[in-house]
């Protein structure tokens, strides 16, 4: 048996040991990530907007 073949057999065996999330758990995790990403994007966008306007007023441009 080649090393590559044995490697893939072992990988397949390890994948069988994984506890996969249910559809409901996966959906909750995806929604959590999407909401957190959106909140962070809004925060960074707002901070950028405020800082750009502040710098424009300070520099007078």
N, C-alpha and C. Protein backbone atom coordinates (compact mmCIF):
# COMPACT_ATOMS: atom_id res chain seq x y z
N UNK A 1 0.84 -1.17 0.00
CA UNK A 1 0.00 0.00 0.00
C UNK A 1 0.90 1.24 0.00
N UNK A 2 0.60 2.18 -0.91
CA UNK A 2 1.44 3.38 -0.99
C UNK A 2 1.16 4.30 0.20
N UNK A 3 2.11 5.18 0.46
CA UNK A 3 1.97 6.11 1.59
C UNK A 3 0.79 7.06 1.36
N UNK A 4 0.62 7.50 0.12
CA UNK A 4 -0.47 8.42 -0.18
C UNK A 4 -1.82 7.74 0.06
N UNK A 5 -1.97 6.51 -0.40
CA UNK A 5 -3.22 5.77 -0.22
C UNK A 5 -3.51 5.58 1.27
N UNK A 6 -2.49 5.19 2.00
CA UNK A 6 -2.65 4.98 3.45
C UNK A 6 -3.05 6.28 4.15
N UNK A 7 -2.43 7.38 3.73
CA UNK A 7 -2.75 8.69 4.30
C UNK A 7 -4.23 9.00 4.12
N UNK A 8 -4.75 8.81 2.90
CA UNK A 8 -6.15 9.14 2.64
C UNK A 8 -7.10 8.19 3.37
N UNK A 9 -6.71 6.96 3.55
CA UNK A 9 -7.51 6.02 4.33
C UNK A 9 -7.59 6.51 5.78
N UNK A 10 -6.46 6.94 6.33
CA UNK A 10 -6.44 7.43 7.71
C UNK A 10 -7.24 8.73 7.85
N UNK A 11 -7.16 9.59 6.84
CA UNK A 11 -7.94 10.83 6.87
C UNK A 11 -9.43 10.48 6.89
N UNK A 12 -9.84 9.54 6.06
CA UNK A 12 -11.24 9.13 6.00
C UNK A 12 -11.70 8.56 7.34
N UNK A 13 -10.84 7.79 7.98
CA UNK A 13 -11.17 7.22 9.28
C UNK A 13 -11.33 8.32 10.33
N UNK A 14 -10.46 9.30 10.30
CA UNK A 14 -10.54 10.41 11.26
C UNK A 14 -11.81 11.23 11.03
N UNK A 15 -12.19 11.42 9.77
CA UNK A 15 -13.42 12.15 9.49
C UNK A 15 -14.64 11.44 10.05
N UNK A 16 -14.57 10.12 10.13
CA UNK A 16 -15.66 9.36 10.72
C UNK A 16 -15.79 9.58 12.22
N UNK A 17 -14.74 10.04 12.87
CA UNK A 17 -14.76 10.28 14.31
C UNK A 17 -15.26 11.68 14.68
N UNK A 18 -15.39 12.53 13.68
CA UNK A 18 -15.79 13.91 13.92
C UNK A 18 -17.25 13.98 14.33
N UNK A 19 -17.54 14.81 15.32
CA UNK A 19 -18.93 15.07 15.70
C UNK A 19 -19.39 16.29 14.92
N UNK A 20 -20.17 16.06 13.88
CA UNK A 20 -20.62 17.14 13.01
C UNK A 20 -21.82 17.83 13.64
N UNK A 21 -21.96 19.16 13.44
CA UNK A 21 -23.12 19.87 14.00
C UNK A 21 -24.39 19.50 13.23
N UNK A 22 -25.51 19.61 13.93
CA UNK A 22 -26.79 19.39 13.27
C UNK A 22 -27.07 20.58 12.35
N UNK A 23 -28.07 20.43 11.50
CA UNK A 23 -28.44 21.53 10.60
C UNK A 23 -28.82 22.77 11.41
N UNK A 24 -29.56 22.56 12.49
CA UNK A 24 -29.99 23.68 13.34
C UNK A 24 -28.79 24.38 13.99
N UNK A 25 -27.84 23.61 14.50
CA UNK A 25 -26.64 24.19 15.11
C UNK A 25 -25.82 24.95 14.08
N UNK A 26 -25.66 24.38 12.89
CA UNK A 26 -24.89 25.04 11.84
C UNK A 26 -25.55 26.35 11.42
N UNK A 27 -26.89 26.34 11.31
CA UNK A 27 -27.62 27.55 10.94
C UNK A 27 -27.42 28.64 11.99
N UNK A 28 -27.50 28.27 13.27
CA UNK A 28 -27.30 29.25 14.34
C UNK A 28 -25.89 29.82 14.30
N UNK A 29 -24.90 28.98 14.05
CA UNK A 29 -23.51 29.45 13.99
C UNK A 29 -23.30 30.39 12.81
N UNK A 30 -23.88 30.06 11.66
CA UNK A 30 -23.75 30.91 10.48
C UNK A 30 -24.40 32.26 10.73
N UNK A 31 -25.59 32.26 11.31
CA UNK A 31 -26.28 33.52 11.60
C UNK A 31 -25.49 34.36 12.60
N UNK A 32 -24.89 33.72 13.58
CA UNK A 32 -24.07 34.43 14.56
C UNK A 32 -22.89 35.12 13.88
N UNK A 33 -22.24 34.40 12.99
CA UNK A 33 -21.08 34.97 12.28
C UNK A 33 -21.52 36.12 11.37
N UNK A 34 -22.63 35.95 10.67
CA UNK A 34 -23.11 37.01 9.77
C UNK A 34 -23.50 38.26 10.55
N UNK A 35 -24.21 38.09 11.66
CA UNK A 35 -24.61 39.25 12.47
C UNK A 35 -23.40 39.94 13.08
N UNK A 36 -22.46 39.16 13.61
CA UNK A 36 -21.24 39.75 14.18
C UNK A 36 -20.45 40.50 13.11
N UNK A 37 -20.35 39.92 11.92
CA UNK A 37 -19.62 40.57 10.83
C UNK A 37 -20.29 41.88 10.43
N UNK A 38 -21.62 41.87 10.35
CA UNK A 38 -22.35 43.08 9.99
C UNK A 38 -22.16 44.17 11.05
N UNK A 39 -22.23 43.80 12.32
CA UNK A 39 -22.05 44.78 13.39
C UNK A 39 -20.64 45.37 13.38
N UNK A 40 -19.66 44.53 13.16
CA UNK A 40 -18.28 45.02 13.10
C UNK A 40 -18.09 45.93 11.90
N UNK A 41 -18.69 45.58 10.76
CA UNK A 41 -18.59 46.41 9.56
C UNK A 41 -19.23 47.78 9.79
N UNK A 42 -20.39 47.80 10.44
CA UNK A 42 -21.05 49.08 10.74
C UNK A 42 -20.20 49.90 11.69
N UNK A 43 -19.63 49.27 12.70
CA UNK A 43 -18.78 49.99 13.65
C UNK A 43 -17.56 50.59 12.96
N UNK A 44 -16.87 49.79 12.15
CA UNK A 44 -15.67 50.29 11.47
C UNK A 44 -16.04 51.38 10.46
N UNK A 45 -17.14 51.19 9.74
CA UNK A 45 -17.59 52.20 8.78
C UNK A 45 -17.94 53.51 9.47
N UNK A 46 -18.61 53.42 10.60
CA UNK A 46 -18.97 54.62 11.36
C UNK A 46 -17.73 55.33 11.89
N UNK A 47 -16.81 54.56 12.42
CA UNK A 47 -15.56 55.13 12.93
C UNK A 47 -14.79 55.82 11.80
N UNK A 48 -14.74 55.20 10.65
CA UNK A 48 -14.07 55.78 9.49
C UNK A 48 -14.74 57.10 9.09
N UNK A 49 -16.05 57.09 9.04
CA UNK A 49 -16.80 58.30 8.67
C UNK A 49 -16.50 59.45 9.63
N UNK A 50 -16.55 59.16 10.92
CA UNK A 50 -16.30 60.19 11.93
C UNK A 50 -14.86 60.71 11.82
N UNK A 51 -13.91 59.81 11.70
CA UNK A 51 -12.50 60.24 11.64
C UNK A 51 -12.20 61.04 10.37
N UNK A 52 -12.75 60.62 9.25
CA UNK A 52 -12.52 61.35 8.00
C UNK A 52 -13.09 62.77 8.11
N UNK A 53 -14.29 62.90 8.63
CA UNK A 53 -14.88 64.24 8.77
C UNK A 53 -14.12 65.09 9.78
N UNK A 54 -13.64 64.48 10.85
CA UNK A 54 -12.85 65.21 11.84
C UNK A 54 -11.55 65.72 11.21
N UNK A 55 -10.87 64.87 10.48
CA UNK A 55 -9.60 65.26 9.86
C UNK A 55 -9.83 66.34 8.81
N UNK A 56 -10.93 66.25 8.05
CA UNK A 56 -11.23 67.29 7.06
C UNK A 56 -11.45 68.65 7.74
N UNK A 57 -12.13 68.64 8.88
CA UNK A 57 -12.36 69.90 9.60
C UNK A 57 -11.06 70.45 10.17
N UNK A 58 -10.21 69.57 10.68
CA UNK A 58 -8.93 70.01 11.25
C UNK A 58 -8.02 70.57 10.17
N UNK A 59 -7.96 69.90 9.03
CA UNK A 59 -7.08 70.34 7.95
C UNK A 59 -7.73 71.43 7.10
N UNK A 60 -9.03 71.62 7.23
CA UNK A 60 -9.71 72.68 6.50
C UNK A 60 -9.89 72.40 5.02
N UNK A 61 -9.97 71.14 4.64
CA UNK A 61 -10.15 70.86 3.21
C UNK A 61 -11.54 70.40 2.89
